[in-house]
């Protein structure tokens, strides 16, 4: 079995994607691949300055015009108030959502709680994404791509 590469990914021109935790790691690489394949990508990040740095990095590593297909929006998955504000702001700015990639998370932090009183890892990784998906479900359904997945093209 050969390794999968971004080149095998279908074009996603005109699609809009949200990638949570898009300022580093897998989220950053996912956002970069989607932009390379023609999507408009919302970098949903807890720290706006880190999101802006990620945007600059993606722009420097991708084709001309990538900056027009990237936006940074603040999202703290450890705050249900922030999740709701993000979902409302997104739906005021965009009328469709083709891809929601719930990537962000924390792993084995010292015990602490979210501002809503949930254990941090559970609150951020599960409850935050669950709430985000629920709040964005109307726009996902309206877009009509609900349930479709990206898959590599066969060569």
N, C-alpha and C. Protein backbone atom coordinates (compact mmCIF):
# COMPACT_ATOMS: atom_id res chain seq x y z
N UNK A 1 0.84 -1.17 0.00
CA UNK A 1 0.00 0.00 0.00
C UNK A 1 0.89 1.24 0.00
N UNK A 2 0.62 2.17 -0.91
CA UNK A 2 1.42 3.39 -0.96
C UNK A 2 0.86 4.44 -0.01
N UNK A 3 1.69 5.40 0.34
CA UNK A 3 1.26 6.48 1.21
C UNK A 3 0.35 7.43 0.45
N UNK A 4 -0.68 7.89 1.13
CA UNK A 4 -1.60 8.86 0.55
C UNK A 4 -0.94 10.23 0.52
N UNK A 5 -1.19 10.99 -0.54
CA UNK A 5 -0.64 12.34 -0.65
C UNK A 5 -1.75 13.31 -0.99
N UNK A 6 -1.51 14.59 -0.76
CA UNK A 6 -2.47 15.64 -1.07
C UNK A 6 -2.79 15.65 -2.57
N UNK A 7 -1.84 15.28 -3.39
CA UNK A 7 -2.06 15.26 -4.83
C UNK A 7 -3.20 14.32 -5.22
N UNK A 8 -3.46 13.31 -4.40
CA UNK A 8 -4.54 12.36 -4.68
C UNK A 8 -5.92 12.91 -4.30
N UNK A 9 -5.96 13.99 -3.58
CA UNK A 9 -7.21 14.56 -3.11
C UNK A 9 -7.94 15.26 -4.25
N UNK A 10 -9.26 15.09 -4.29
CA UNK A 10 -10.07 15.77 -5.30
C UNK A 10 -10.03 17.28 -5.09
N UNK A 11 -10.27 18.04 -6.15
CA UNK A 11 -10.40 19.49 -6.05
C UNK A 11 -11.65 19.80 -5.25
N UNK A 12 -11.60 20.87 -4.49
CA UNK A 12 -12.75 21.31 -3.70
C UNK A 12 -13.04 22.79 -3.96
N UNK A 13 -12.85 23.19 -5.22
CA UNK A 13 -13.08 24.58 -5.60
C UNK A 13 -14.47 25.04 -5.20
N UNK A 14 -14.54 26.22 -4.59
CA UNK A 14 -15.82 26.80 -4.22
C UNK A 14 -16.39 26.29 -2.92
N UNK A 15 -15.77 25.30 -2.32
CA UNK A 15 -16.25 24.77 -1.04
C UNK A 15 -15.75 25.66 0.09
N UNK A 16 -16.51 25.71 1.17
CA UNK A 16 -16.10 26.44 2.37
C UNK A 16 -15.91 25.43 3.48
N UNK A 17 -14.76 25.52 4.17
CA UNK A 17 -14.43 24.59 5.25
C UNK A 17 -14.06 25.36 6.51
N UNK A 18 -14.45 24.83 7.63
CA UNK A 18 -13.96 25.29 8.93
C UNK A 18 -13.05 24.20 9.45
N UNK A 19 -11.86 24.60 9.91
CA UNK A 19 -10.93 23.66 10.54
C UNK A 19 -10.63 24.21 11.93
N UNK A 20 -11.06 23.48 12.96
CA UNK A 20 -10.75 23.92 14.32
C UNK A 20 -9.31 23.53 14.64
N UNK A 21 -8.66 24.36 15.45
CA UNK A 21 -7.27 24.09 15.81
C UNK A 21 -6.35 24.16 14.61
N UNK A 22 -6.61 25.09 13.71
CA UNK A 22 -5.89 25.15 12.43
C UNK A 22 -4.57 25.91 12.50
N UNK A 23 -4.12 26.28 13.69
CA UNK A 23 -2.88 27.04 13.77
C UNK A 23 -1.64 26.16 13.94
N UNK A 24 -1.83 24.86 14.12
CA UNK A 24 -0.65 23.99 14.26
C UNK A 24 -1.04 22.54 13.97
N UNK A 25 -0.04 21.72 13.82
CA UNK A 25 -0.23 20.28 13.70
C UNK A 25 -1.11 19.86 12.54
N UNK A 26 -1.93 18.87 12.80
CA UNK A 26 -2.80 18.30 11.79
C UNK A 26 -3.80 19.33 11.26
N UNK A 27 -4.29 20.20 12.13
CA UNK A 27 -5.22 21.24 11.69
C UNK A 27 -4.59 22.18 10.67
N UNK A 28 -3.36 22.58 10.91
CA UNK A 28 -2.64 23.44 9.98
C UNK A 28 -2.42 22.74 8.65
N UNK A 29 -2.00 21.50 8.69
CA UNK A 29 -1.76 20.74 7.45
C UNK A 29 -3.07 20.50 6.68
N UNK A 30 -4.14 20.26 7.41
CA UNK A 30 -5.45 20.07 6.77
C UNK A 30 -5.88 21.35 6.08
N UNK A 31 -5.76 22.47 6.77
CA UNK A 31 -6.12 23.77 6.18
C UNK A 31 -5.29 24.05 4.93
N UNK A 32 -4.01 23.76 5.01
CA UNK A 32 -3.12 23.99 3.87
C UNK A 32 -3.55 23.14 2.67
N UNK A 33 -3.84 21.87 2.90
CA UNK A 33 -4.25 20.98 1.82
C UNK A 33 -5.56 21.44 1.19
N UNK A 34 -6.50 21.86 2.02
CA UNK A 34 -7.78 22.32 1.49
C UNK A 34 -7.62 23.58 0.64
N UNK A 35 -6.78 24.50 1.09
CA UNK A 35 -6.52 25.72 0.31
C UNK A 35 -5.84 25.35 -1.01
N UNK A 36 -4.88 24.44 -0.96
CA UNK A 36 -4.20 24.01 -2.19
C UNK A 36 -5.17 23.41 -3.18
N UNK A 37 -6.24 22.80 -2.69
CA UNK A 37 -7.22 22.16 -3.57
C UNK A 37 -8.42 23.07 -3.87
N UNK A 38 -8.32 24.36 -3.51
CA UNK A 38 -9.30 25.34 -3.95
C UNK A 38 -10.38 25.75 -2.98
N UNK A 39 -10.35 25.26 -1.75
CA UNK A 39 -11.39 25.61 -0.79
C UNK A 39 -11.10 26.96 -0.13
N UNK A 40 -12.14 27.60 0.34
CA UNK A 40 -12.01 28.74 1.25
C UNK A 40 -12.01 28.12 2.64
N UNK A 41 -11.02 28.46 3.46
CA UNK A 41 -10.85 27.81 4.76
C UNK A 41 -10.91 28.84 5.88
N UNK A 42 -11.73 28.54 6.85
CA UNK A 42 -11.82 29.34 8.07
C UNK A 42 -10.92 28.67 9.10
N UNK A 43 -9.89 29.38 9.53
CA UNK A 43 -9.00 28.88 10.57
C UNK A 43 -9.65 29.24 11.91
N UNK A 44 -10.28 28.28 12.55
CA UNK A 44 -10.98 28.49 13.81
C UNK A 44 -10.00 28.23 14.95
N UNK A 45 -9.54 29.30 15.60
CA UNK A 45 -8.45 29.19 16.56
C UNK A 45 -8.76 29.93 17.85
N UNK A 46 -8.20 29.45 18.93
CA UNK A 46 -8.38 30.08 20.24
C UNK A 46 -7.60 31.39 20.34
N UNK A 47 -6.42 31.42 19.72
CA UNK A 47 -5.54 32.59 19.81
C UNK A 47 -5.42 33.23 18.42
N UNK A 48 -6.04 34.40 18.25
CA UNK A 48 -6.07 35.06 16.94
C UNK A 48 -4.67 35.31 16.39
N UNK A 49 -3.71 35.72 17.22
CA UNK A 49 -2.37 36.01 16.71
C UNK A 49 -1.71 34.74 16.16
N UNK A 50 -1.92 33.61 16.81
CA UNK A 50 -1.39 32.35 16.30
C UNK A 50 -2.10 31.96 15.00
N UNK A 51 -3.37 32.27 14.91
CA UNK A 51 -4.12 32.03 13.68
C UNK A 51 -3.61 32.87 12.53
N UNK A 52 -3.28 34.11 12.81
CA UNK A 52 -2.74 35.00 11.76
C UNK A 52 -1.36 34.51 11.31
N UNK A 53 -0.57 34.00 12.25
CA UNK A 53 0.74 33.44 11.89
C UNK A 53 0.56 32.19 11.02
N UNK A 54 -0.40 31.36 11.36
CA UNK A 54 -0.68 30.16 10.56
C UNK A 54 -1.13 30.57 9.16
N UNK A 55 -1.94 31.59 9.07
CA UNK A 55 -2.40 32.09 7.77
C UNK A 55 -1.20 32.53 6.92
N UNK A 56 -0.29 33.29 7.52
CA UNK A 56 0.92 33.72 6.80
C UNK A 56 1.73 32.51 6.33
N UNK A 57 1.86 31.52 7.18
CA UNK A 57 2.61 30.31 6.83
C UNK A 57 1.97 29.60 5.64
N UNK A 58 0.65 29.43 5.67
CA UNK A 58 -0.05 28.77 4.58
C UNK A 58 0.12 29.56 3.29
N UNK A 59 -0.04 30.87 3.36
CA UNK A 59 0.10 31.72 2.18
C UNK A 59 1.50 31.58 1.58
N UNK A 60 2.51 31.53 2.44
CA UNK A 60 3.89 31.44 1.94
C UNK A 60 4.19 30.08 1.30
N UNK A 61 3.40 29.06 1.64
CA UNK A 61 3.67 27.70 1.15
C UNK A 61 2.71 27.23 0.07
N UNK A 62 1.81 28.09 -0.34
CA UNK A 62 0.82 27.68 -1.33
C UNK A 62 0.82 28.67 -2.50
N UNK A 63 -0.01 28.38 -3.47
CA UNK A 63 -0.06 29.18 -4.70
C UNK A 63 -0.57 30.59 -4.43
N UNK A 64 -0.26 31.47 -5.37
CA UNK A 64 -0.73 32.85 -5.30
C UNK A 64 -2.25 32.87 -5.18
N UNK A 65 -2.75 33.79 -4.40
CA UNK A 65 -4.19 33.91 -4.20
C UNK A 65 -4.70 33.17 -2.99
N UNK A 66 -3.83 32.44 -2.30
CA UNK A 66 -4.27 31.68 -1.13
C UNK A 66 -4.81 32.59 -0.04
N UNK A 67 -4.25 33.78 0.10
CA UNK A 67 -4.69 34.70 1.15
C UNK A 67 -6.17 35.03 1.01
N UNK A 68 -6.66 35.07 -0.23
CA UNK A 68 -8.08 35.36 -0.46
C UNK A 68 -8.98 34.21 -0.01
N UNK A 69 -8.41 33.03 0.15
CA UNK A 69 -9.19 31.85 0.54
C UNK A 69 -8.98 31.44 1.99
N UNK A 70 -8.44 32.35 2.79
CA UNK A 70 -8.21 32.06 4.20
C UNK A 70 -8.81 33.16 5.06
N UNK A 71 -9.45 32.76 6.15
CA UNK A 71 -9.95 33.71 7.13
C UNK A 71 -9.66 33.14 8.52
N UNK A 72 -9.38 34.02 9.45
CA UNK A 72 -9.12 33.62 10.83
C UNK A 72 -10.30 34.07 11.69
N UNK A 73 -10.85 33.13 12.45
CA UNK A 73 -11.93 33.46 13.38
C UNK A 73 -11.61 32.84 14.74
N UNK A 74 -11.89 33.60 15.79
CA UNK A 74 -11.63 33.10 17.14
C UNK A 74 -12.68 32.10 17.58
N UNK A 75 -12.21 31.01 18.19
CA UNK A 75 -13.08 29.97 18.72
C UNK A 75 -12.37 29.31 19.89
N UNK A 76 -12.94 29.45 21.07
CA UNK A 76 -12.44 28.75 22.26
C UNK A 76 -13.43 27.65 22.58
N UNK A 77 -13.06 26.41 22.27
CA UNK A 77 -13.96 25.27 22.48
C UNK A 77 -14.18 24.97 23.96
N UNK A 78 -13.41 25.57 24.82
CA UNK A 78 -13.59 25.41 26.26
C UNK A 78 -14.57 26.41 26.84
N UNK A 79 -15.25 27.15 25.96
CA UNK A 79 -16.24 28.14 26.39
C UNK A 79 -17.47 28.03 25.49
N UNK A 80 -18.57 27.59 26.06
CA UNK A 80 -19.78 27.47 25.26
C UNK A 80 -20.28 28.83 24.77
N UNK A 81 -19.97 29.90 25.50
CA UNK A 81 -20.29 31.24 25.04
C UNK A 81 -19.50 31.55 23.77
N UNK A 82 -18.23 31.20 23.76
CA UNK A 82 -17.39 31.41 22.57
C UNK A 82 -17.87 30.57 21.40
N UNK A 83 -18.26 29.33 21.66
CA UNK A 83 -18.75 28.44 20.60
C UNK A 83 -20.00 29.05 19.96
N UNK A 84 -20.91 29.51 20.80
CA UNK A 84 -22.15 30.11 20.28
C UNK A 84 -21.83 31.38 19.49
N UNK A 85 -20.96 32.21 20.01
CA UNK A 85 -20.59 33.46 19.32
C UNK A 85 -19.95 33.15 17.97
N UNK A 86 -19.08 32.14 17.93
CA UNK A 86 -18.44 31.76 16.67
C UNK A 86 -19.49 31.31 15.66
N UNK A 87 -20.39 30.43 16.08
CA UNK A 87 -21.41 29.91 15.17
C UNK A 87 -22.30 31.03 14.64
N UNK A 88 -22.68 31.95 15.51
CA UNK A 88 -23.51 33.07 15.07
C UNK A 88 -22.76 33.98 14.11
N UNK A 89 -21.51 34.28 14.44
CA UNK A 89 -20.69 35.14 13.57
C UNK A 89 -20.47 34.48 12.21
N UNK A 90 -20.19 33.18 12.23
CA UNK A 90 -19.99 32.47 10.96
C UNK A 90 -21.24 32.57 10.09
N UNK A 91 -22.40 32.32 10.67
CA UNK A 91 -23.63 32.30 9.90
C UNK A 91 -24.07 33.70 9.45
N UNK A 92 -23.57 34.73 10.12
CA UNK A 92 -23.82 36.09 9.65
C UNK A 92 -22.93 36.43 8.47
N UNK A 93 -21.77 35.80 8.39
CA UNK A 93 -20.80 36.10 7.32
C UNK A 93 -20.90 35.16 6.13
N UNK A 94 -21.34 33.94 6.34
CA UNK A 94 -21.36 32.92 5.28
C UNK A 94 -22.73 32.24 5.23
N UNK A 95 -23.16 31.91 4.03
CA UNK A 95 -24.47 31.26 3.89
C UNK A 95 -24.37 29.77 3.58
N UNK A 96 -23.16 29.24 3.61
CA UNK A 96 -22.96 27.81 3.35
C UNK A 96 -21.78 27.29 4.15
N UNK A 97 -21.74 25.97 4.34
CA UNK A 97 -20.61 25.31 4.99
C UNK A 97 -20.56 23.89 4.44
N UNK A 98 -19.51 23.63 3.67
CA UNK A 98 -19.37 22.32 3.04
C UNK A 98 -18.64 21.31 3.91
N UNK A 99 -17.66 21.78 4.68
CA UNK A 99 -16.84 20.87 5.49
C UNK A 99 -16.62 21.45 6.88
N UNK A 100 -16.90 20.67 7.89
CA UNK A 100 -16.60 21.04 9.27
C UNK A 100 -15.62 20.00 9.80
N UNK A 101 -14.40 20.44 10.03
CA UNK A 101 -13.36 19.51 10.48
C UNK A 101 -13.04 19.84 11.94
N UNK A 102 -13.58 19.01 12.83
CA UNK A 102 -13.43 19.19 14.27
C UNK A 102 -12.12 18.55 14.71
N UNK A 103 -11.06 19.33 14.65
CA UNK A 103 -9.72 18.83 14.89
C UNK A 103 -9.13 19.26 16.23
N UNK A 104 -9.45 20.43 16.71
CA UNK A 104 -8.79 21.00 17.89
C UNK A 104 -8.98 20.12 19.11
N UNK A 105 -8.06 20.25 20.02
CA UNK A 105 -8.22 19.53 21.27
C UNK A 105 -7.02 19.70 22.18
N UNK A 106 -7.23 19.27 23.40
CA UNK A 106 -6.15 19.24 24.38
C UNK A 106 -5.94 17.78 24.76
N UNK A 107 -4.74 17.45 25.20
CA UNK A 107 -4.45 16.06 25.54
C UNK A 107 -3.75 15.97 26.88
N UNK A 108 -4.38 15.29 27.78
CA UNK A 108 -3.87 15.00 29.12
C UNK A 108 -3.33 16.26 29.82
N UNK A 109 -4.17 17.31 29.89
CA UNK A 109 -3.71 18.49 30.65
C UNK A 109 -3.83 18.22 32.15
N UNK A 110 -3.15 18.99 32.97
CA UNK A 110 -3.39 18.87 34.41
C UNK A 110 -4.86 19.16 34.68
N UNK A 111 -5.39 18.59 35.75
CA UNK A 111 -6.81 18.78 36.01
C UNK A 111 -7.15 20.26 36.10
N UNK A 112 -8.12 20.64 35.30
CA UNK A 112 -8.72 21.98 35.38
C UNK A 112 -10.07 21.89 34.70
N UNK A 113 -10.80 22.97 34.75
CA UNK A 113 -12.14 22.95 34.17
C UNK A 113 -12.29 24.07 33.13
N UNK A 114 -13.27 23.88 32.26
CA UNK A 114 -13.63 24.93 31.31
C UNK A 114 -14.34 26.03 32.09
N UNK A 115 -14.59 27.15 31.43
CA UNK A 115 -15.31 28.22 32.13
C UNK A 115 -16.74 27.82 32.46
N UNK A 116 -17.23 26.75 31.84
CA UNK A 116 -18.57 26.25 32.12
C UNK A 116 -18.58 25.18 33.20
N UNK A 117 -17.39 24.84 33.74
CA UNK A 117 -17.30 23.90 34.85
C UNK A 117 -17.08 22.44 34.48
N UNK A 118 -16.84 22.15 33.20
CA UNK A 118 -16.58 20.78 32.77
C UNK A 118 -15.08 20.51 32.84
N UNK A 119 -14.72 19.24 33.06
CA UNK A 119 -13.30 18.86 33.02
C UNK A 119 -12.76 19.31 31.66
N UNK A 120 -11.57 19.91 31.65
CA UNK A 120 -11.05 20.61 30.48
C UNK A 120 -10.99 19.74 29.22
N UNK A 121 -10.41 18.55 29.31
CA UNK A 121 -10.26 17.72 28.11
C UNK A 121 -11.62 17.30 27.56
N UNK A 122 -12.52 16.86 28.41
CA UNK A 122 -13.86 16.45 27.99
C UNK A 122 -14.64 17.65 27.44
N UNK A 123 -14.56 18.75 28.14
CA UNK A 123 -15.29 19.95 27.73
C UNK A 123 -14.82 20.50 26.41
N UNK A 124 -13.51 20.50 26.19
CA UNK A 124 -12.95 21.05 24.95
C UNK A 124 -13.09 20.07 23.80
N UNK A 125 -12.59 18.87 23.99
CA UNK A 125 -12.52 17.92 22.88
C UNK A 125 -13.88 17.36 22.48
N UNK A 126 -14.77 17.19 23.44
CA UNK A 126 -16.06 16.58 23.11
C UNK A 126 -17.20 17.60 23.13
N UNK A 127 -17.45 18.20 24.28
CA UNK A 127 -18.62 19.08 24.40
C UNK A 127 -18.52 20.31 23.49
N UNK A 128 -17.33 20.89 23.40
CA UNK A 128 -17.18 22.06 22.53
C UNK A 128 -17.48 21.75 21.08
N UNK A 129 -16.92 20.65 20.58
CA UNK A 129 -17.17 20.27 19.19
C UNK A 129 -18.62 19.82 18.98
N UNK A 130 -19.19 19.15 19.98
CA UNK A 130 -20.59 18.73 19.88
C UNK A 130 -21.50 19.95 19.75
N UNK A 131 -21.26 20.94 20.59
CA UNK A 131 -22.07 22.17 20.54
C UNK A 131 -21.85 22.90 19.22
N UNK A 132 -20.60 22.99 18.77
CA UNK A 132 -20.30 23.66 17.51
C UNK A 132 -21.02 22.99 16.34
N UNK A 133 -20.94 21.68 16.29
CA UNK A 133 -21.61 20.94 15.21
C UNK A 133 -23.11 21.18 15.26
N UNK A 134 -23.69 21.10 16.43
CA UNK A 134 -25.13 21.33 16.57
C UNK A 134 -25.55 22.72 16.13
N UNK A 135 -24.77 23.72 16.50
CA UNK A 135 -25.10 25.10 16.14
C UNK A 135 -24.91 25.37 14.66
N UNK A 136 -23.99 24.63 14.02
CA UNK A 136 -23.76 24.82 12.58
C UNK A 136 -24.56 23.85 11.71
N UNK A 137 -25.26 22.92 12.33
CA UNK A 137 -26.00 21.93 11.58
C UNK A 137 -27.01 22.53 10.59
N UNK A 138 -27.72 23.59 10.94
CA UNK A 138 -28.65 24.16 9.95
C UNK A 138 -27.96 24.61 8.66
N UNK A 139 -26.81 25.25 8.77
CA UNK A 139 -26.11 25.70 7.57
C UNK A 139 -25.47 24.53 6.83
N UNK A 140 -25.02 23.52 7.54
CA UNK A 140 -24.49 22.31 6.89
C UNK A 140 -25.60 21.62 6.08
N UNK A 141 -26.76 21.48 6.68
CA UNK A 141 -27.88 20.84 5.99
C UNK A 141 -28.33 21.66 4.78
N UNK A 142 -28.39 22.97 4.97
CA UNK A 142 -28.81 23.86 3.88
C UNK A 142 -27.85 23.79 2.70
N UNK A 143 -26.58 23.60 2.98
CA UNK A 143 -25.57 23.54 1.93
C UNK A 143 -25.77 22.31 1.05
N UNK A 144 -26.24 21.24 1.63
CA UNK A 144 -26.55 20.06 0.83
C UNK A 144 -25.42 19.07 0.69
N UNK A 145 -24.28 19.33 1.32
CA UNK A 145 -23.19 18.38 1.23
C UNK A 145 -23.08 17.56 2.52
N UNK A 146 -24.07 17.68 3.37
CA UNK A 146 -24.08 16.96 4.64
C UNK A 146 -23.92 15.46 4.38
N UNK A 147 -22.97 14.84 5.01
CA UNK A 147 -22.77 13.41 4.88
C UNK A 147 -21.78 13.00 3.81
N UNK A 148 -21.32 13.95 3.01
CA UNK A 148 -20.32 13.61 1.99
C UNK A 148 -18.93 13.74 2.61
N UNK A 149 -18.01 12.97 2.10
CA UNK A 149 -16.65 12.99 2.63
C UNK A 149 -15.66 13.14 1.50
N UNK A 150 -14.52 13.77 1.81
CA UNK A 150 -13.44 13.85 0.84
C UNK A 150 -12.79 12.48 0.73
N UNK A 151 -12.47 12.09 -0.44
CA UNK A 151 -11.77 10.81 -0.64
C UNK A 151 -10.74 10.98 -1.74
N UNK A 152 -9.68 10.23 -1.69
CA UNK A 152 -8.65 10.38 -2.72
C UNK A 152 -9.18 9.95 -4.09
N UNK A 153 -8.71 10.61 -5.12
CA UNK A 153 -9.07 10.19 -6.48
C UNK A 153 -8.29 8.96 -6.84
N UNK A 154 -8.86 8.12 -7.63
CA UNK A 154 -8.18 6.88 -8.06
C UNK A 154 -7.38 7.20 -9.30
N UNK A 155 -6.15 6.71 -9.33
CA UNK A 155 -5.28 6.91 -10.51
C UNK A 155 -4.87 5.60 -11.06
